[in-house]
Amino acid sequence: MNLPDELLREAQELARREHTTLRELIETGLRTVVRQRTAESHFVLEDASVDGRGLQPEFRGARWEQFRDAIYEQPS
């Protein structure tokens, strides 16, 4: 593993202040990042349904064209 000198010095100083090893500090940091990024990768779709009575009777068994025409119907 190749780390920038300044980052390595800072990490060594932090490890000394916290009375731990550089290895333990790096391991803790990696575990934290892995846990955070794993948790962030789980997408949950919010429930965006609306209350209603479901599909209107005139559209039961309808083909796509009927839906499309109703959606784009010009008001009279």
PDB file of N, CA and C in Angstrom:
ATOM      1  N   MET A   1       0.858  -1.166   0.000  1.00  0.00           N
ATOM      2  CA  MET A   1       0.000   0.000   0.000  1.00  0.00           C
ATOM      3  C   MET A   1       0.900   1.223   0.000  1.00  0.00           C
ATOM      4  N   ASN A   2       0.567   2.166  -0.853  1.00  0.00           N
ATOM      5  CA  ASN A   2       1.368   3.367  -0.975  1.00  0.00           C
ATOM      6  C   ASN A   2       0.509   4.568  -0.570  1.00  0.00           C
ATOM      7  N   LEU A   3       0.886   5.222   0.540  1.00  0.00           N
ATOM      8  CA  LEU A   3       0.133   6.369   1.051  1.00  0.00           C
ATOM      9  C   LEU A   3       0.980   7.631   0.941  1.00  0.00           C
ATOM     10  N   PRO A   4       0.356   8.773   0.752  1.00  0.00           N
ATOM     11  CA  PRO A   4       1.109  10.025   0.752  1.00  0.00           C
ATOM     12  C   PRO A   4       1.801  10.215   2.103  1.00  0.00           C
ATOM     13  N   ASP A   5       3.027  10.724   2.059  1.00  0.00           N
ATOM     14  CA  ASP A   5       3.824  10.878   3.283  1.00  0.00           C
ATOM     15  C   ASP A   5       3.098  11.678   4.355  1.00  0.00           C
ATOM     16  N   GLU A   6       2.479  12.794   3.978  1.00  0.00           N
ATOM     17  CA  GLU A   6       1.803  13.640   4.959  1.00  0.00           C
ATOM     18  C   GLU A   6       0.640  12.902   5.624  1.00  0.00           C
ATOM     19  N   LEU A   7      -0.134  12.151   4.841  1.00  0.00           N
ATOM     20  CA  LEU A   7      -1.244  11.385   5.394  1.00  0.00           C
ATOM     21  C   LEU A   7      -0.720  10.317   6.346  1.00  0.00           C
ATOM     22  N   LEU A   8       0.347   9.661   5.977  1.00  0.00           N
ATOM     23  CA  LEU A   8       0.940   8.628   6.835  1.00  0.00           C
ATOM     24  C   LEU A   8       1.426   9.231   8.150  1.00  0.00           C
ATOM     25  N   ARG A   9       2.074  10.392   8.087  1.00  0.00           N
ATOM     26  CA  ARG A   9       2.539  11.054   9.321  1.00  0.00           C
ATOM     27  C   ARG A   9       1.357  11.428  10.224  1.00  0.00           C
ATOM     28  N   GLU A  10       0.306  11.962   9.611  1.00  0.00           N
ATOM     29  CA  GLU A  10      -0.876  12.333  10.401  1.00  0.00           C
ATOM     30  C   GLU A  10      -1.499  11.105  11.056  1.00  0.00           C
ATOM     31  N   ALA A  11      -1.583  10.026  10.318  1.00  0.00           N
ATOM     32  CA  ALA A  11      -2.166   8.798  10.849  1.00  0.00           C
ATOM     33  C   ALA A  11      -1.306   8.227  11.971  1.00  0.00           C
ATOM     34  N   GLN A  12       0.003   8.264  11.817  1.00  0.00           N
ATOM     35  CA  GLN A  12       0.899   7.764  12.862  1.00  0.00           C
ATOM     36  C   GLN A  12       0.761   8.601  14.132  1.00  0.00           C
ATOM     37  N   GLU A  13       0.658   9.909  13.973  1.00  0.00           N
ATOM     38  CA  GLU A  13       0.498  10.794  15.126  1.00  0.00           C
ATOM     39  C   GLU A  13      -0.844  10.527  15.821  1.00  0.00           C
ATOM     40  N   LEU A  14      -1.901  10.347  15.047  1.00  0.00           N
ATOM     41  CA  LEU A  14      -3.202  10.051  15.620  1.00  0.00           C
ATOM     42  C   LEU A  14      -3.162   8.721  16.368  1.00  0.00           C
ATOM     43  N   ALA A  15      -2.520   7.730  15.799  1.00  0.00           N
ATOM     44  CA  ALA A  15      -2.405   6.422  16.457  1.00  0.00           C
ATOM     45  C   ALA A  15      -1.658   6.558  17.785  1.00  0.00           C
ATOM     46  N   ARG A  16      -0.588   7.349  17.799  1.00  0.00           N
ATOM     47  CA  ARG A  16       0.161   7.564  19.051  1.00  0.00           C
ATOM     48  C   ARG A  16      -0.720   8.244  20.102  1.00  0.00           C
ATOM     49  N   ARG A  17      -1.452   9.283  19.673  1.00  0.00           N
ATOM     50  CA  ARG A  17      -2.306  10.016  20.622  1.00  0.00           C
ATOM     51  C   ARG A  17      -3.403   9.121  21.189  1.00  0.00           C
ATOM     52  N   GLU A  18      -3.898   8.202  20.370  1.00  0.00           N
ATOM     53  CA  GLU A  18      -4.987   7.333  20.809  1.00  0.00           C
ATOM     54  C   GLU A  18      -4.491   6.007  21.377  1.00  0.00           C
ATOM     55  N   HIS A  19      -3.188   5.894  21.537  1.00  0.00           N
ATOM     56  CA  HIS A  19      -2.574   4.691  22.116  1.00  0.00           C
ATOM     57  C   HIS A  19      -3.028   3.425  21.381  1.00  0.00           C
ATOM     58  N   THR A  20      -2.926   3.473  20.078  1.00  0.00           N
ATOM     59  CA  THR A  20      -3.271   2.326  19.253  1.00  0.00           C
ATOM     60  C   THR A  20      -2.202   2.174  18.175  1.00  0.00           C
ATOM     61  N   THR A  21      -2.377   1.204  17.333  1.00  0.00           N
ATOM     62  CA  THR A  21      -1.411   0.989  16.254  1.00  0.00           C
ATOM     63  C   THR A  21      -1.939   1.598  14.957  1.00  0.00           C
ATOM     64  N   LEU A  22      -1.019   1.858  14.051  1.00  0.00           N
ATOM     65  CA  LEU A  22      -1.394   2.354  12.738  1.00  0.00           C
ATOM     66  C   LEU A  22      -2.266   1.316  12.032  1.00  0.00           C
ATOM     67  N   ARG A  23      -1.912   0.061  12.188  1.00  0.00           N
ATOM     68  CA  ARG A  23      -2.699  -1.011  11.581  1.00  0.00           C
ATOM     69  C   ARG A  23      -4.154  -0.967  12.066  1.00  0.00           C
ATOM     70  N   GLU A  24      -4.353  -0.823  13.371  1.00  0.00           N
ATOM     71  CA  GLU A  24      -5.705  -0.777  13.933  1.00  0.00           C
ATOM     72  C   GLU A  24      -6.458   0.446  13.422  1.00  0.00           C
ATOM     73  N   LEU A  25      -5.785   1.570  13.327  1.00  0.00           N
ATOM     74  CA  LEU A  25      -6.408   2.791  12.831  1.00  0.00           C
ATOM     75  C   LEU A  25      -6.858   2.621  11.379  1.00  0.00           C
ATOM     76  N   ILE A  26      -6.003   2.049  10.547  1.00  0.00           N
ATOM     77  CA  ILE A  26      -6.340   1.816   9.140  1.00  0.00           C
ATOM     78  C   ILE A  26      -7.482   0.807   9.024  1.00  0.00           C
ATOM     79  N   GLU A  27      -7.421  -0.260   9.810  1.00  0.00           N
ATOM     80  CA  GLU A  27      -8.470  -1.274   9.773  1.00  0.00           C
ATOM     81  C   GLU A  27      -9.819  -0.685  10.173  1.00  0.00           C
ATOM     82  N   THR A  28      -9.840   0.118  11.211  1.00  0.00           N
ATOM     83  CA  THR A  28     -11.080   0.758  11.661  1.00  0.00           C
ATOM     84  C   THR A  28     -11.619   1.687  10.582  1.00  0.00           C
ATOM     85  N   GLY A  29     -10.733   2.457   9.977  1.00  0.00           N
ATOM     86  CA  GLY A  29     -11.152   3.362   8.909  1.00  0.00           C
ATOM     87  C   GLY A  29     -11.728   2.622   7.720  1.00  0.00           C
ATOM     88  N   LEU A  30     -11.082   1.556   7.298  1.00  0.00           N
ATOM     89  CA  LEU A  30     -11.578   0.778   6.172  1.00  0.00           C
ATOM     90  C   LEU A  30     -12.917   0.131   6.475  1.00  0.00           C
ATOM     91  N   ARG A  31     -13.047  -0.419   7.690  1.00  0.00           N
ATOM     92  CA  ARG A  31     -14.329  -1.029   8.066  1.00  0.00           C
ATOM     93  C   ARG A  31     -15.455   0.006   8.048  1.00  0.00           C
ATOM     94  N   THR A  32     -15.169   1.203   8.522  1.00  0.00           N
ATOM     95  CA  THR A  32     -16.168   2.266   8.543  1.00  0.00           C
ATOM     96  C   THR A  32     -16.600   2.637   7.133  1.00  0.00           C
ATOM     97  N   VAL A  33     -15.655   2.819   6.239  1.00  0.00           N
ATOM     98  CA  VAL A  33     -15.975   3.184   4.857  1.00  0.00           C
ATOM     99  C   VAL A  33     -16.746   2.073   4.164  1.00  0.00           C
ATOM    100  N   VAL A  34     -16.324   0.828   4.346  1.00  0.00           N
ATOM    101  CA  VAL A  34     -17.019  -0.304   3.719  1.00  0.00           C
ATOM    102  C   VAL A  34     -18.450  -0.390   4.229  1.00  0.00           C
ATOM    103  N   ARG A  35     -18.649  -0.229   5.532  1.00  0.00           N
ATOM    104  CA  ARG A  35     -19.991  -0.290   6.122  1.00  0.00           C
ATOM    105  C   ARG A  35     -20.877   0.825   5.575  1.00  0.00           C
ATOM    106  N   GLN A  36     -20.340   2.052   5.514  1.00  0.00           N
ATOM    107  CA  GLN A  36     -21.117   3.185   5.015  1.00  0.00           C
ATOM    108  C   GLN A  36     -21.495   2.994   3.554  1.00  0.00           C
ATOM    109  N   ARG A  37     -20.552   2.595   2.754  1.00  0.00           N
ATOM    110  CA  ARG A  37     -20.828   2.477   1.318  1.00  0.00           C
ATOM    111  C   ARG A  37     -21.716   1.285   1.014  1.00  0.00           C
ATOM    112  N   THR A  38     -21.644   0.255   1.823  1.00  0.00           N
ATOM    113  CA  THR A  38     -22.533  -0.890   1.641  1.00  0.00           C
ATOM    114  C   THR A  38     -23.957  -0.487   1.994  1.00  0.00           C
ATOM    115  N   ALA A  39     -24.117   0.257   3.075  1.00  0.00           N
ATOM    116  CA  ALA A  39     -25.449   0.710   3.493  1.00  0.00           C
ATOM    117  C   ALA A  39     -26.035   1.664   2.473  1.00  0.00           C
ATOM    118  N   GLU A  40     -25.210   2.513   1.862  1.00  0.00           N
ATOM    119  CA  GLU A  40     -25.693   3.477   0.889  1.00  0.00           C
ATOM    120  C   GLU A  40     -26.127   2.821  -0.408  1.00  0.00           C
ATOM    121  N   SER A  41     -25.631   1.634  -0.679  1.00  0.00           N
ATOM    122  CA  SER A  41     -25.923   1.014  -1.960  1.00  0.00           C
ATOM    123  C   SER A  41     -27.277   0.305  -1.992  1.00  0.00           C
ATOM    124  N   HIS A  42     -27.944   0.202  -0.853  1.00  0.00           N
ATOM    125  CA  HIS A  42     -29.249  -0.449  -0.812  1.00  0.00           C
ATOM    126  C   HIS A  42     -30.330   0.576  -1.108  1.00  0.00           C
ATOM    127  N   PHE A  43     -30.906   0.473  -2.270  1.00  0.00           N
ATOM    128  CA  PHE A  43     -31.950   1.403  -2.680  1.00  0.00           C
ATOM    129  C   PHE A  43     -33.306   0.856  -2.270  1.00  0.00           C
ATOM    130  N   VAL A  44     -34.077   1.694  -1.618  1.00  0.00           N
ATOM    131  CA  VAL A  44     -35.428   1.309  -1.228  1.00  0.00           C
ATOM    132  C   VAL A  44     -36.378   2.298  -1.880  1.00  0.00           C
ATOM    133  N   LEU A  45     -37.255   1.800  -2.713  1.00  0.00           N
ATOM    134  CA  LEU A  45     -38.233   2.647  -3.384  1.00  0.00           C
ATOM    135  C   LEU A  45     -39.353   2.975  -2.411  1.00  0.00           C
ATOM    136  N   GLU A  46     -39.584   4.267  -2.241  1.00  0.00           N
ATOM    137  CA  GLU A  46     -40.654   4.692  -1.343  1.00  0.00           C
ATOM    138  C   GLU A  46     -42.010   4.352  -1.944  1.00  0.00           C
ATOM    139  N   ASP A  47     -42.966   4.099  -1.078  1.00  0.00           N
ATOM    140  CA  ASP A  47     -44.315   3.806  -1.525  1.00  0.00           C
ATOM    141  C   ASP A  47     -44.956   5.103  -2.012  1.00  0.00           C
ATOM    142  N   ALA A  48     -45.188   5.204  -3.307  1.00  0.00           N
ATOM    143  CA  ALA A  48     -45.778   6.408  -3.887  1.00  0.00           C
ATOM    144  C   ALA A  48     -47.187   6.140  -4.391  1.00  0.00           C
ATOM    145  N   SER A  49     -47.784   5.063  -3.914  1.00  0.00           N
ATOM    146  CA  SER A  49     -49.127   4.738  -4.370  1.00  0.00           C
ATOM    147  C   SER A  49     -50.127   5.743  -3.807  1.00  0.00           C
ATOM    148  N   VAL A  50     -51.241   5.823  -4.464  1.00  0.00           N
ATOM    149  CA  VAL A  50     -52.285   6.742  -4.031  1.00  0.00           C
ATOM    150  C   VAL A  50     -53.539   5.949  -3.691  1.00  0.00           C
ATOM    151  N   ASP A  51     -54.337   6.551  -2.838  1.00  0.00           N
ATOM    152  CA  ASP A  51     -55.607   5.901  -2.508  1.00  0.00           C
ATOM    153  C   ASP A  51     -56.538   6.017  -3.709  1.00  0.00           C
ATOM    154  N   GLY A  52     -57.310   5.022  -3.923  1.00  0.00           N
ATOM    155  CA  GLY A  52     -58.244   5.064  -5.039  1.00  0.00           C
ATOM    156  C   GLY A  52     -58.964   3.737  -5.167  1.00  0.00           C
ATOM    157  N   ARG A  53     -59.685   3.608  -6.237  1.00  0.00           N
ATOM    158  CA  ARG A  53     -60.465   2.406  -6.448  1.00  0.00           C
ATOM    159  C   ARG A  53     -59.841   1.508  -7.508  1.00  0.00           C
ATOM    160  N   GLY A  54     -58.606   1.787  -7.854  1.00  0.00           N
ATOM    161  CA  GLY A  54     -57.938   0.957  -8.848  1.00  0.00           C
ATOM    162  C   GLY A  54     -58.289   1.374 -10.260  1.00  0.00           C
ATOM    163  N   LEU A  55     -58.116   0.471 -11.172  1.00  0.00           N
ATOM    164  CA  LEU A  55     -58.350   0.726 -12.589  1.00  0.00           C
ATOM    165  C   LEU A  55     -59.830   0.998 -12.849  1.00  0.00           C
ATOM    166  N   GLN A  56     -60.094   2.045 -13.591  1.00  0.00           N
ATOM    167  CA  GLN A  56     -61.467   2.397 -13.929  1.00  0.00           C
ATOM    168  C   GLN A  56     -62.064   1.321 -14.841  1.00  0.00           C
ATOM    169  N   PRO A  57     -63.354   1.070 -14.725  1.00  0.00           N
ATOM    170  CA  PRO A  57     -63.986  -0.013 -15.490  1.00  0.00           C
ATOM    171  C   PRO A  57     -63.745   0.080 -16.995  1.00  0.00           C
ATOM    172  N   GLU A  58     -63.745   1.291 -17.559  1.00  0.00           N
ATOM    173  CA  GLU A  58     -63.587   1.408 -19.011  1.00  0.00           C
ATOM    174  C   GLU A  58     -62.188   1.022 -19.495  1.00  0.00           C
ATOM    175  N   PHE A  59     -61.236   0.880 -18.564  1.00  0.00           N
ATOM    176  CA  PHE A  59     -59.880   0.516 -18.959  1.00  0.00           C
ATOM    177  C   PHE A  59     -59.515  -0.925 -18.617  1.00  0.00           C
ATOM    178  N   ARG A  60     -60.397  -1.638 -17.989  1.00  0.00           N
ATOM    179  CA  ARG A  60     -60.111  -3.040 -17.679  1.00  0.00           C
ATOM    180  C   ARG A  60     -60.045  -3.819 -18.976  1.00  0.00           C
ATOM    181  N   GLY A  61     -58.929  -4.487 -19.193  1.00  0.00           N
ATOM    182  CA  GLY A  61     -58.731  -5.263 -20.413  1.00  0.00           C
ATOM    183  C   GLY A  61     -58.385  -4.415 -21.624  1.00  0.00           C
ATOM    184  N   ALA A  62     -58.151  -3.115 -21.410  1.00  0.00           N
ATOM    185  CA  ALA A  62     -57.866  -2.216 -22.531  1.00  0.00           C
ATOM    186  C   ALA A  62     -56.454  -2.423 -23.062  1.00  0.00           C
ATOM    187  N   ARG A  63     -56.268  -2.057 -24.310  1.00  0.00           N
ATOM    188  CA  ARG A  63     -54.948  -2.105 -24.926  1.00  0.00           C
ATOM    189  C   ARG A  63     -54.238  -0.777 -24.663  1.00  0.00           C
ATOM    190  N   TRP A  64     -52.930  -0.766 -24.869  1.00  0.00           N
ATOM    191  CA  TRP A  64     -52.114   0.422 -24.629  1.00  0.00           C
ATOM    192  C   TRP A  64     -52.649   1.630 -25.401  1.00  0.00           C
ATOM    193  N   GLU A  65     -53.079   1.424 -26.609  1.00  0.00           N
ATOM    194  CA  GLU A  65     -53.563   2.531 -27.430  1.00  0.00           C
ATOM    195  C   GLU A  65     -54.728   3.269 -26.772  1.00  0.00           C
ATOM    196  N   GLN A  66     -55.587   2.535 -26.093  1.00  0.00           N
ATOM    197  CA  GLN A  66     -56.711   3.169 -25.407  1.00  0.00           C
ATOM    198  C   GLN A  66     -56.231   4.049 -24.253  1.00  0.00           C
ATOM    199  N   PHE A  67     -55.240   3.556 -23.525  1.00  0.00           N
ATOM    200  CA  PHE A  67     -54.650   4.356 -22.441  1.00  0.00           C
ATOM    201  C   PHE A  67     -54.014   5.618 -23.024  1.00  0.00           C
ATOM    202  N   ARG A  68     -53.207   5.425 -24.069  1.00  0.00           N
ATOM    203  CA  ARG A  68     -52.503   6.549 -24.689  1.00  0.00           C
ATOM    204  C   ARG A  68     -53.490   7.599 -25.176  1.00  0.00           C
ATOM    205  N   ASP A  69     -54.537   7.156 -25.872  1.00  0.00           N
ATOM    206  CA  ASP A  69     -55.511   8.103 -26.406  1.00  0.00           C
ATOM    207  C   ASP A  69     -56.205   8.874 -25.287  1.00  0.00           C
ATOM    208  N   ALA A  70     -56.508   8.194 -24.191  1.00  0.00           N
ATOM    209  CA  ALA A  70     -57.160   8.863 -23.062  1.00  0.00           C
ATOM    210  C   ALA A  70     -56.222   9.870 -22.401  1.00  0.00           C
ATOM    211  N   ILE A  71     -54.968   9.520 -22.312  1.00  0.00           N
ATOM    212  CA  ILE A  71     -53.983  10.428 -21.685  1.00  0.00           C
ATOM    213  C   ILE A  71     -53.810  11.693 -22.500  1.00  0.00           C
ATOM    214  N   TYR A  72     -53.720  11.536 -23.831  1.00  0.00           N
ATOM    215  CA  TYR A  72     -53.433  12.678 -24.691  1.00  0.00           C
ATOM    216  C   TYR A  72     -54.687  13.281 -25.332  1.00  0.00           C
ATOM    217  N   GLU A  73     -55.835  12.893 -24.830  1.00  0.00           N
ATOM    218  CA  GLU A  73     -57.093  13.414 -25.379  1.00  0.00           C
ATOM    219  C   GLU A  73     -57.154  14.926 -25.198  1.00  0.00           C
ATOM    220  N   GLN A  74     -57.546  15.615 -26.234  1.00  0.00           N
ATOM    221  CA  GLN A  74     -57.668  17.073 -26.178  1.00  0.00           C
ATOM    222  C   GLN A  74     -59.001  17.446 -25.529  1.00  0.00           C
ATOM    223  N   PRO A  75     -58.982  18.359 -24.571  1.00  0.00           N
ATOM    224  CA  PRO A  75     -60.237  18.779 -23.938  1.00  0.00           C
ATOM    225  C   PRO A  75     -61.141  19.453 -24.953  1.00  0.00           C
ATOM    226  N   SER A  76     -62.426  19.289 -24.787  1.00  0.00           N
ATOM    227  CA  SER A  76     -63.405  19.881 -25.721  1.00  0.00           C
ATOM    228  C   SER A  76     -63.681  21.310 -25.403  1.00  0.00           C
TER     229      SER A  76
END
